């Protein structure tokens, strides 16, 4: 008969920490990229509007 430790091995705390840090890093990169694309899109829309006024 299997003991509970054999059925459910101990969770590696370091692995959980690394996974958490990786997720935070991915979220940070996505947030920065989204902000970068957003402000560039707003800038280009403004510039196109200004150009269309004078054309």
Protein backbone atom coordinates (compact mmCIF):
# COMPACT_ATOMS: atom_id res chain seq x y z
CA UNK A 1 0.00 0.00 0.00
CA UNK A 2 1.27 3.46 -0.93
CA UNK A 3 1.87 6.07 1.70
CA UNK A 4 0.64 9.61 1.25
CA UNK A 5 4.19 10.89 0.59
CA UNK A 6 4.57 8.46 -2.30
CA UNK A 7 1.27 9.55 -3.81
CA UNK A 8 1.92 13.27 -3.34
CA UNK A 9 5.63 14.10 -3.47
CA UNK A 10 6.76 17.29 -1.75
CA UNK A 11 6.46 20.36 -3.91
CA UNK A 12 9.75 22.02 -4.74
CA UNK A 13 9.54 25.54 -3.31
CA UNK A 14 12.34 26.81 -5.56
CA UNK A 15 10.45 25.63 -8.65
CA UNK A 16 7.34 27.50 -7.51
CA UNK A 17 9.39 30.65 -6.91
CA UNK A 18 11.00 30.43 -10.35
CA UNK A 19 7.62 29.88 -11.99
CA UNK A 20 6.17 32.87 -10.14
CA UNK A 21 9.11 35.09 -11.16
CA UNK A 22 8.81 33.95 -14.78
CA UNK A 23 5.10 34.78 -14.81
CA UNK A 24 5.77 38.23 -13.35
CA UNK A 25 8.49 38.83 -15.95
CA UNK A 26 6.13 37.84 -18.78
CA UNK A 27 3.37 40.09 -17.43
CA UNK A 28 5.85 42.97 -17.14
CA UNK A 29 7.03 42.51 -20.75
CA UNK A 30 3.47 42.31 -22.07
CA UNK A 31 2.49 45.46 -20.17
CA UNK A 32 5.49 47.40 -21.50
CA UNK A 33 4.92 46.22 -25.08
CA UNK A 34 1.21 47.09 -24.91
CA UNK A 35 2.00 50.58 -23.61
CA UNK A 36 4.64 51.08 -26.30
CA UNK A 37 2.29 50.03 -29.11
CA UNK A 38 -0.54 52.12 -27.67
CA UNK A 39 1.33 55.41 -27.49
CA UNK A 40 2.86 54.88 -30.93
CA UNK A 41 -0.60 54.24 -32.38
CA UNK A 42 -1.97 57.39 -30.76
CA UNK A 43 0.99 59.42 -32.06
CA UNK A 44 0.58 58.10 -35.62
CA UNK A 45 -3.18 58.74 -35.55
CA UNK A 46 -2.55 62.32 -34.43
CA UNK A 47 0.08 62.87 -37.13
CA UNK A 48 -2.19 61.45 -39.84
CA UNK A 49 -4.98 63.75 -38.68
CA UNK A 50 -2.68 66.78 -38.86
CA UNK A 51 -1.47 65.78 -42.32
CA UNK A 52 -5.04 65.25 -43.55
CA UNK A 53 -5.99 68.75 -42.36
CA UNK A 54 -3.35 70.34 -44.60
CA UNK A 55 -3.83 68.06 -47.62
